[in-house]
């Protein structure tokens, strides 16, 4: 495995600062946020300097019941090629449910949700990862996620689940130590036990991030400084194996560059403190290969029966529907925690729509967030955030919530500008171009 070194998540808001930071060996970019044909100049310059760029996907939903979408895989492969990346990463999570397997409307979470640690879910995840591996031009690594909720009836610990996953597929692992801390607070899972069970020879790199605790729940915000308990888990990991790469994630509330550099120093210190005990030599062996699979792994390595996918689909759809559509909580789930997760998902939807359509918060002012949260209670997301913004505007216009004529007119103008096949301001030009083309074709 290529040694990556110390890195930071590249975001447009800190692009200039990242270019000037000393000691940055590599960066990670959210794959869906870059266009292969129009890479940001900052990323181009970093690549030219020899800085490795790794695309990090968030929308495949490899833990979902359906097979990975071929179009999404092709788009991810295109970004890998454009960035000349040595590997690509995604998450062990599901992000959508419903659809043909359940004969129900498709629902989007807009968030990474945990898969149940069951043999059914593992069988489906393994096949989905094999499909992705076949479609991608470089090795794939998958990340453990943070969770607020636990599935009832789980059959494995996280370490056992990840060990079997790597053993059966040869996939590499991206271990997020902040997510191990989150699951320690929220699900009483011991990070040291998880690390002891992980196949650390499959480690691709490590994520480090901050969060905050509220009412006994840890929120993995990526918007706060890295706390000491997360650094302690990193030290524990580094005492077991020498991590090929360690990366600081920050998505919001970006501090001054000096503060980010201080966090990077703390991360380096935590790794150095770990000392890379006897496990240091393990990393050179690479991830488990097909030759090293156990007999039990081989017996279970085939494609899962379609009924297995359907069982998982029904379970995931029931959970997601409870979180975003207000249906009853599935049996066995903690209803209080489901309520916390549901509010967090609605809040994240409001925040992302505000970024995708920044004009709406400007038009609505302080009324934006309560209006959006009211809308979200009865309108699950079904087709991404841009469509969500348009549907929200339609809800405001048709529901009579906009009592002020000026505000109603501005929302209507915004909706008309964006709801057609081309912006209204461009439509005359489009019509002119089509007319010109017809004339030329007649000649």
Protein backbone atom coordinates (compact mmCIF):
# COMPACT_ATOMS: atom_id res chain seq x y z
CA UNK A 1 0.00 0.00 0.00
CA UNK A 2 1.30 3.44 -0.94
CA UNK A 3 2.44 5.53 2.01
CA UNK A 4 0.27 8.64 2.01
CA UNK A 5 1.56 10.52 5.06
CA UNK A 6 -0.36 13.40 6.65
CA UNK A 7 -3.32 14.90 4.80
CA UNK A 8 -6.35 17.13 5.08
CA UNK A 9 -9.77 17.12 3.50
CA UNK A 10 -9.73 19.59 0.59
CA UNK A 11 -12.74 21.92 0.62
CA UNK A 12 -13.27 25.04 -1.54
CA UNK A 13 -13.53 27.24 1.57
CA UNK A 14 -9.97 26.38 2.67
CA UNK A 15 -8.40 25.68 -0.73
CA UNK A 16 -5.93 28.57 -0.57
CA UNK A 17 -4.94 27.74 3.00
CA UNK A 18 -4.37 24.07 2.14
CA UNK A 19 -2.03 25.02 -0.70
CA UNK A 20 0.10 27.07 1.72
CA UNK A 21 0.10 24.60 4.62
CA UNK A 22 3.45 23.01 5.39
CA UNK A 23 3.70 19.23 5.63
CA UNK A 24 0.61 18.33 3.58
CA UNK A 25 1.42 15.11 1.73
CA UNK A 26 -2.03 14.41 0.30
CA UNK A 27 -5.61 15.62 0.23
CA UNK A 28 -8.99 13.96 0.02
CA UNK A 29 -11.88 15.45 -1.96
CA UNK A 30 -15.59 14.57 -1.87
CA UNK A 31 -15.95 12.82 -5.21
CA UNK A 32 -19.45 14.10 -5.97
CA UNK A 33 -18.29 17.70 -5.52
CA UNK A 34 -15.80 17.74 -8.40
CA UNK A 35 -16.41 17.73 -12.14
CA UNK A 36 -13.82 15.66 -14.01
CA UNK A 37 -13.68 18.06 -16.95
CA UNK A 38 -13.40 21.18 -14.78
CA UNK A 39 -11.19 20.41 -11.82
CA UNK A 40 -10.63 23.35 -9.45
CA UNK A 41 -7.36 25.12 -10.17
CA UNK A 42 -6.27 24.53 -6.58
CA UNK A 43 -6.48 20.75 -7.05
CA UNK A 44 -4.61 21.02 -10.34
CA UNK A 45 -1.80 22.93 -8.69
CA UNK A 46 -1.60 20.46 -5.81
CA UNK A 47 -1.36 17.56 -8.22
CA UNK A 48 1.36 19.29 -10.21
CA UNK A 49 3.33 19.65 -6.96
CA UNK A 50 3.11 15.91 -6.43
CA UNK A 51 0.38 16.02 -3.77
CA UNK A 52 -1.79 12.90 -4.00
CA UNK A 53 -5.54 13.52 -4.37
CA UNK A 54 -7.94 10.77 -3.23
CA UNK A 55 -11.66 10.89 -4.17
CA UNK A 56 -14.01 10.02 -1.31
CA UNK A 57 -17.51 9.00 -2.39
CA UNK A 58 -20.64 9.56 -0.32
CA UNK A 59 -23.56 8.45 -2.52
CA UNK A 60 -23.01 4.85 -3.69
CA UNK A 61 -24.85 3.32 -0.74
CA UNK A 62 -22.82 0.10 -0.82
CA UNK A 63 -24.63 -1.13 2.29
CA UNK A 64 -28.04 -0.73 0.67
CA UNK A 65 -30.19 -3.63 -0.50
CA UNK A 66 -29.94 -2.73 -4.18
CA UNK A 67 -26.88 -3.40 -6.31
CA UNK A 68 -24.69 -0.33 -6.89
CA UNK A 69 -25.95 1.93 -9.65
CA UNK A 70 -23.83 1.55 -12.80
CA UNK A 71 -24.07 5.25 -13.57
CA UNK A 72 -22.79 6.26 -10.14
CA UNK A 73 -19.94 3.77 -10.42
CA UNK A 74 -18.99 5.10 -13.86
CA UNK A 75 -19.02 8.67 -12.54
CA UNK A 76 -16.79 7.69 -9.61
CA UNK A 77 -14.37 5.90 -11.95
CA UNK A 78 -14.24 9.00 -14.14
CA UNK A 79 -13.20 11.12 -11.15
CA UNK A 80 -10.53 8.59 -10.20
CA UNK A 81 -9.05 8.88 -13.68
CA UNK A 82 -9.26 12.69 -13.74
CA UNK A 83 -7.48 12.97 -10.38
CA UNK A 84 -4.96 10.19 -11.18
CA UNK A 85 -5.77 8.77 -7.76
CA UNK A 86 -4.03 5.64 -6.41
CA UNK A 87 -7.21 4.47 -4.67
CA UNK A 88 -10.83 5.50 -4.07
CA UNK A 89 -12.93 5.34 -0.90
CA UNK A 90 -16.59 5.00 0.07
CA UNK A 91 -18.67 4.12 3.14
CA UNK A 92 -20.19 1.05 4.72
CA UNK A 93 -23.65 2.59 4.83
CA UNK A 94 -26.99 2.83 3.13
CA UNK A 95 -28.26 6.18 1.88
CA UNK A 96 -31.55 5.30 0.15
CA UNK A 97 -34.28 2.69 0.39
CA UNK A 98 -37.60 1.75 -1.15
CA UNK A 99 -37.99 1.22 -4.87
CA UNK A 100 -38.59 -1.99 -6.85
CA UNK A 101 -37.42 -4.41 -4.14
CA UNK A 102 -40.17 -3.20 -1.83
CA UNK A 103 -42.69 -1.90 -4.38
CA UNK A 104 -42.70 1.39 -2.49
CA UNK A 105 -41.60 4.97 -3.24
CA UNK A 106 -37.87 5.55 -3.16
CA UNK A 107 -36.60 7.51 -0.16
CA UNK A 108 -33.31 9.39 0.20
CA UNK A 109 -31.64 9.80 3.59
CA UNK A 110 -29.22 12.54 2.56
CA UNK A 111 -26.96 10.94 5.16
CA UNK A 112 -24.91 7.81 5.85
CA UNK A 113 -26.97 5.32 7.86
CA UNK A 114 -25.65 2.13 9.53
CA UNK A 115 -26.22 -1.31 8.08
CA UNK A 116 -27.28 -4.07 10.46
CA UNK A 117 -24.34 -6.28 11.45
CA UNK A 118 -26.07 -9.45 10.34
CA UNK A 119 -25.08 -12.23 7.96
CA UNK A 120 -27.76 -11.16 5.49
CA UNK A 121 -26.45 -7.59 5.39
CA UNK A 122 -22.86 -8.83 5.14
CA UNK A 123 -23.70 -11.08 2.19
CA UNK A 124 -25.33 -8.18 0.34
CA UNK A 125 -22.51 -5.77 1.21
CA UNK A 126 -19.87 -8.23 0.00
CA UNK A 127 -21.53 -8.64 -3.39
CA UNK A 128 -22.05 -4.90 -3.73
CA UNK A 129 -18.38 -4.29 -2.99
CA UNK A 130 -17.30 -6.90 -5.55
CA UNK A 131 -19.46 -5.16 -8.15
CA UNK A 132 -17.85 -1.83 -7.27
CA UNK A 133 -14.35 -3.31 -7.32
CA UNK A 134 -14.94 -4.67 -10.83
CA UNK A 135 -16.13 -1.26 -12.06
CA UNK A 136 -13.37 0.88 -10.52
CA UNK A 137 -9.86 1.26 -12.02
CA UNK A 138 -8.02 1.41 -8.67
CA UNK A 139 -8.31 -0.35 -5.28
CA UNK A 140 -11.36 0.46 -3.17
CA UNK A 141 -11.31 1.18 0.57
CA UNK A 142 -14.48 1.43 2.66
CA UNK A 143 -15.06 3.43 5.84
CA UNK A 144 -16.74 2.55 9.12
CA UNK A 145 -19.39 5.15 9.92
CA UNK A 146 -20.67 6.96 13.00
CA UNK A 147 -24.18 6.16 14.19
CA UNK A 148 -26.79 7.46 16.58
CA UNK A 149 -28.86 4.29 16.47
CA UNK A 150 -28.34 0.54 16.78
CA UNK A 151 -30.14 -2.21 14.89
CA UNK A 152 -31.87 -4.84 17.05
CA UNK A 153 -30.77 -8.44 16.67
CA UNK A 154 -27.23 -7.80 15.42
CA UNK A 155 -25.09 -10.93 15.10
CA UNK A 156 -21.55 -9.48 15.04
CA UNK A 157 -19.47 -6.74 16.56
CA UNK A 158 -18.14 -4.03 14.28
CA UNK A 159 -14.67 -5.58 14.35
CA UNK A 160 -15.98 -9.02 13.40
CA UNK A 161 -18.16 -7.55 10.65
CA UNK A 162 -15.25 -5.61 9.13
CA UNK A 163 -12.88 -8.56 9.48
CA UNK A 164 -15.21 -10.86 7.54
CA UNK A 165 -15.85 -8.14 4.96
CA UNK A 166 -12.14 -7.68 4.25
CA UNK A 167 -11.51 -11.43 4.34
CA UNK A 168 -14.23 -12.22 1.81
CA UNK A 169 -13.66 -9.36 -0.63
CA UNK A 170 -10.04 -8.21 -0.22
CA UNK A 171 -11.35 -4.65 0.17
CA UNK A 172 -9.16 -2.23 2.09
CA UNK A 173 -10.41 -0.37 5.15
CA UNK A 174 -10.56 3.34 5.89
CA UNK A 175 -10.80 3.50 9.67
CA UNK A 176 -12.33 6.67 11.12
CA UNK A 177 -11.21 6.93 14.75
CA UNK A 178 -13.71 9.75 15.36
CA UNK A 179 -16.47 7.34 14.33
CA UNK A 180 -15.16 4.76 16.80
CA UNK A 181 -15.45 7.44 19.50
CA UNK A 182 -18.97 8.34 18.34
CA UNK A 183 -20.05 4.72 18.56
CA UNK A 184 -18.45 4.45 22.00
CA UNK A 185 -20.60 7.32 23.32
CA UNK A 186 -23.77 6.50 21.41
CA UNK A 187 -23.71 2.70 21.36
CA UNK A 188 -21.42 1.80 24.28
CA UNK A 189 -18.94 0.08 21.95
CA UNK A 190 -15.35 -0.12 23.18
CA UNK A 191 -12.91 1.38 20.62
CA UNK A 192 -10.04 -0.75 21.92
CA UNK A 193 -12.06 -3.93 21.41
CA UNK A 194 -12.97 -2.85 17.89
CA UNK A 195 -9.32 -2.13 17.04
CA UNK A 196 -8.28 -5.50 18.49
CA UNK A 197 -10.70 -7.30 16.15
CA UNK A 198 -9.95 -5.32 12.99
CA UNK A 199 -7.80 -6.75 10.19
CA UNK A 200 -5.26 -3.92 10.44
CA UNK A 201 -3.22 -5.44 7.61
CA UNK A 202 -6.04 -4.19 5.34
CA UNK A 203 -5.73 -0.58 6.56
CA UNK A 204 -5.64 1.99 3.74
CA UNK A 205 -5.63 5.14 5.89
CA UNK A 206 -7.24 6.83 8.87
CA UNK A 207 -9.75 9.67 9.31
CA UNK A 208 -9.67 12.04 12.28
CA UNK A 209 -12.44 14.59 12.96
CA UNK A 210 -14.21 16.57 15.64
CA UNK A 211 -17.71 16.67 17.01
CA UNK A 212 -19.71 17.62 20.09
CA UNK A 213 -21.83 16.02 22.80
CA UNK A 214 -25.37 17.11 23.61
CA UNK A 215 -27.72 15.37 26.05
CA UNK A 216 -25.55 12.28 26.13
CA UNK A 217 -25.40 11.94 22.34
CA UNK A 218 -22.21 12.50 20.35
CA UNK A 219 -22.70 14.29 17.04
CA UNK A 220 -19.97 13.65 14.46
CA UNK A 221 -20.14 17.20 13.11
CA UNK A 222 -16.80 17.62 11.29
CA UNK A 223 -17.21 21.22 12.39
CA UNK A 224 -15.44 21.25 15.76
CA UNK A 225 -11.88 20.70 16.99
CA UNK A 226 -10.63 17.13 17.36
CA UNK A 227 -11.15 16.13 21.03
CA UNK A 228 -8.57 14.32 23.11
CA UNK A 229 -10.49 11.01 23.27
CA UNK A 230 -10.32 10.77 19.45
CA UNK A 231 -6.57 11.44 19.54
CA UNK A 232 -6.23 8.75 22.20
CA UNK A 233 -7.92 6.21 19.91
CA UNK A 234 -5.55 7.26 17.13
CA UNK A 235 -2.60 6.63 19.47
CA UNK A 236 -4.01 3.20 20.31
CA UNK A 237 -4.35 2.37 16.61
CA UNK A 238 -0.79 3.60 15.91
CA UNK A 239 0.51 1.34 18.71
CA UNK A 240 -0.89 -1.63 16.80
CA UNK A 241 0.05 -0.75 13.21
CA UNK A 242 1.82 2.04 11.34
CA UNK A 243 -1.00 3.81 9.46
CA UNK A 244 -0.15 4.45 5.78
CA UNK A 245 -1.94 7.79 5.98
CA UNK A 246 -3.82 9.97 8.46
CA UNK A 247 -6.20 12.72 7.37
CA UNK A 248 -7.97 15.58 9.17
CA UNK A 249 -11.59 16.09 8.10
CA UNK A 250 -13.28 19.47 8.49
CA UNK A 251 -16.48 20.34 6.61
CA UNK A 252 -17.86 23.46 8.30
CA UNK A 253 -17.00 26.29 10.70
CA UNK A 254 -13.51 26.47 9.25
CA UNK A 255 -11.06 28.07 11.69
CA UNK A 256 -8.01 30.13 10.83
CA UNK A 257 -5.27 28.19 9.00
CA UNK A 258 -3.07 28.31 12.08
CA UNK A 259 -5.68 26.39 14.08
CA UNK A 260 -5.93 23.69 11.40
CA UNK A 261 -2.15 23.41 11.34
CA UNK A 262 -2.23 23.00 15.12
CA UNK A 263 -4.71 20.13 14.79
CA UNK A 264 -2.47 18.49 12.21
CA UNK A 265 0.45 18.74 14.63
CA UNK A 266 -1.66 17.12 17.34
CA UNK A 267 -2.52 14.30 14.94
CA UNK A 268 1.16 13.74 14.10
CA UNK A 269 2.01 13.76 17.81
CA UNK A 270 -0.71 11.20 18.55
CA UNK A 271 0.64 8.86 15.86
CA UNK A 272 4.21 9.32 17.10
CA UNK A 273 3.09 8.66 20.67
CA UNK A 274 1.62 5.35 19.53
CA UNK A 275 5.05 4.30 18.38
CA UNK A 276 3.72 1.71 15.94
CA UNK A 277 4.26 -1.35 18.18
CA UNK A 278 4.76 -4.86 16.92
CA UNK A 279 2.02 -4.33 14.37
CA UNK A 280 4.17 -2.04 12.22
CA UNK A 281 5.35 -4.85 9.99
CA UNK A 282 1.82 -6.09 9.37
CA UNK A 283 0.91 -3.32 6.97
CA UNK A 284 3.37 -4.46 4.33
CA UNK A 285 1.54 -7.75 3.94
CA UNK A 286 -1.43 -6.12 2.22
CA UNK A 287 -5.12 -6.95 2.77
CA UNK A 288 -6.40 -10.50 3.01
CA UNK A 289 -6.38 -12.13 -0.42
CA UNK A 290 -8.71 -14.72 -1.89
CA UNK A 291 -6.01 -17.35 -1.27
CA UNK A 292 -6.23 -16.70 2.46
CA UNK A 293 -9.97 -17.01 2.89
CA UNK A 294 -11.30 -19.52 5.36
CA UNK A 295 -13.49 -22.38 4.24
CA UNK A 296 -16.49 -20.76 5.90
CA UNK A 297 -15.77 -17.52 4.04
CA UNK A 298 -15.55 -19.39 0.75
CA UNK A 299 -18.87 -21.11 1.38
CA UNK A 300 -20.57 -17.77 1.99
CA UNK A 301 -18.76 -15.81 -0.72
CA UNK A 302 -21.35 -16.35 -3.44
CA UNK A 303 -24.05 -13.91 -4.45
CA UNK A 304 -26.86 -13.59 -1.89
CA UNK A 305 -30.27 -14.90 -2.87
CA UNK A 306 -32.69 -12.26 -4.10
CA UNK A 307 -34.89 -12.98 -1.10
CA UNK A 308 -31.97 -11.89 1.12
CA UNK A 309 -31.82 -8.55 -0.65
CA UNK A 310 -35.57 -8.19 -0.31
CA UNK A 311 -35.47 -8.87 3.45
CA UNK A 312 -32.77 -6.25 3.87
CA UNK A 313 -34.68 -3.82 1.64
CA UNK A 314 -37.83 -4.13 3.72
CA UNK A 315 -35.92 -3.57 6.97
CA UNK A 316 -34.00 -0.56 5.66
CA UNK A 317 -37.11 0.98 4.11
CA UNK A 318 -39.04 0.66 7.38
CA UNK A 319 -36.23 2.38 9.27
CA UNK A 320 -35.72 5.17 6.75
CA UNK A 321 -39.46 5.77 6.49
CA UNK A 322 -39.64 6.19 10.26
CA UNK A 323 -36.76 8.67 10.11
CA UNK A 324 -37.91 10.85 7.21
CA UNK A 325 -41.62 10.17 6.66
CA UNK A 326 -42.95 9.91 10.22
CA UNK A 327 -44.12 6.30 10.00
CA UNK A 328 -44.08 4.17 13.19
CA UNK A 329 -40.70 3.06 14.53
CA UNK A 330 -39.82 -0.52 13.55
CA UNK A 331 -39.92 -3.02 16.40
CA UNK A 332 -36.81 -3.19 18.55
CA UNK A 333 -35.44 0.30 17.86
CA UNK A 334 -34.93 2.92 20.54
CA UNK A 335 -37.69 5.43 19.79
CA UNK A 336 -35.91 8.26 21.59
CA UNK A 337 -32.76 7.74 19.54
CA UNK A 338 -34.84 7.50 16.35
CA UNK A 339 -36.30 10.89 17.22
CA UNK A 340 -32.82 12.38 17.70
CA UNK A 341 -31.71 10.92 14.37
CA UNK A 342 -34.84 12.15 12.58
CA UNK A 343 -34.32 15.70 13.83
CA UNK A 344 -30.65 15.55 12.84
CA UNK A 345 -31.56 14.41 9.32
CA UNK A 346 -34.13 17.19 8.92
CA UNK A 347 -31.64 19.76 10.19
CA UNK A 348 -28.98 18.52 7.79
CA UNK A 349 -31.47 18.72 4.91
CA UNK A 350 -32.21 22.33 5.81
CA UNK A 351 -28.51 23.18 5.96
CA UNK A 352 -27.62 21.50 2.66
CA UNK A 353 -30.59 22.99 0.79
CA UNK A 354 -29.48 26.39 2.11
CA UNK A 355 -26.09 25.78 0.46
CA UNK A 356 -27.53 24.39 -2.77
CA UNK A 357 -30.09 27.21 -3.03
CA UNK A 358 -28.64 30.11 -0.98
CA UNK A 359 -31.22 32.53 -2.36
CA UNK A 360 -34.03 30.87 -0.39
CA UNK A 361 -32.65 31.71 3.07
CA UNK A 362 -32.00 35.25 1.84
CA UNK A 363 -35.59 35.62 0.62
CA UNK A 364 -37.20 33.99 3.65
CA UNK A 365 -34.85 35.36 6.30
CA UNK A 366 -35.36 33.97 9.80
CA UNK A 367 -38.43 32.10 8.56
CA UNK A 368 -36.40 29.80 6.32
CA UNK A 369 -35.43 27.13 8.81
CA UNK A 370 -38.79 26.68 10.60
CA UNK A 371 -40.55 26.67 7.23
CA UNK A 372 -38.19 24.04 5.86
CA UNK A 373 -38.46 21.82 8.93
CA UNK A 374 -42.27 21.97 8.70
CA UNK A 375 -42.05 21.01 5.03
CA UNK A 376 -39.60 18.16 5.75
CA UNK A 377 -41.98 16.52 8.25
CA UNK A 378 -44.39 15.56 5.49
CA UNK A 379 -42.15 15.57 2.41
CA UNK A 380 -39.36 12.96 2.38
CA UNK A 381 -36.49 13.61 -0.01
CA UNK A 382 -36.72 11.37 -3.08
CA UNK A 383 -34.32 12.77 -5.66
CA UNK A 384 -31.40 14.69 -4.17
CA UNK A 385 -30.99 18.14 -2.66
CA UNK A 386 -31.48 20.25 -5.80
CA UNK A 387 -34.86 18.67 -6.46
CA UNK A 388 -35.59 19.06 -2.74
CA UNK A 389 -35.03 22.82 -2.95
CA UNK A 390 -37.47 23.09 -5.87
CA UNK A 391 -40.07 20.96 -4.09
CA UNK A 392 -39.73 23.11 -0.97
CA UNK A 393 -40.40 26.25 -3.04
CA UNK A 394 -43.43 24.57 -4.63
CA UNK A 395 -44.68 23.65 -1.15
CA UNK A 396 -44.42 27.29 -0.06
CA UNK A 397 -46.18 28.60 -3.15
CA UNK A 398 -49.01 26.06 -3.18
CA UNK A 399 -49.56 25.82 0.55
CA UNK A 400 -50.35 29.45 1.19
CA UNK A 401 -47.56 29.82 3.74
CA UNK A 402 -46.23 32.98 2.08
CA UNK A 403 -48.52 35.76 3.20
CA UNK A 404 -46.30 38.67 2.16
CA UNK A 405 -46.74 39.52 -1.54
CA UNK A 406 -43.10 40.53 -2.06
CA UNK A 407 -41.75 37.30 -0.58
CA UNK A 408 -44.23 35.21 -2.57
CA UNK A 409 -43.20 36.98 -5.79
CA UNK A 410 -39.50 36.44 -5.10
CA UNK A 411 -39.95 32.72 -4.35
CA UNK A 412 -42.07 32.37 -7.50
CA UNK A 413 -39.40 34.09 -9.61
CA UNK A 414 -36.73 31.86 -8.07
CA UNK A 415 -38.75 28.73 -8.81
CA UNK A 416 -39.51 29.77 -12.40
CA UNK A 417 -35.83 30.52 -12.99
CA UNK A 418 -34.76 27.02 -11.96
CA UNK A 419 -37.64 24.66 -12.64
CA UNK A 420 -37.40 24.52 -16.43
CA UNK A 421 -34.88 22.72 -18.64
CA UNK A 422 -32.81 25.91 -18.76
CA UNK A 423 -32.77 29.08 -16.63
CA UNK A 424 -35.34 31.65 -17.80
CA UNK A 425 -32.55 34.16 -18.35
CA UNK A 426 -31.01 31.78 -20.86
CA UNK A 427 -34.15 30.56 -22.57
CA UNK A 428 -34.29 33.30 -25.24
CA UNK A 429 -30.68 32.54 -26.10
CA UNK A 430 -31.49 28.84 -26.26
CA UNK A 431 -34.44 29.49 -28.59
CA UNK A 432 -32.25 31.69 -30.77
CA UNK A 433 -29.57 29.00 -30.94
CA UNK A 434 -32.14 26.38 -31.98
CA UNK A 435 -33.60 28.64 -34.63
CA UNK A 436 -30.15 29.39 -36.02
CA UNK A 437 -29.35 25.68 -36.14
CA UNK A 438 -32.54 24.95 -38.10
CA UNK A 439 -31.63 27.66 -40.64
CA UNK A 440 -28.13 26.25 -41.03
CA UNK A 441 -29.45 22.72 -41.51
CA UNK A 442 -31.68 23.88 -44.38
CA UNK A 443 -28.66 25.18 -46.31
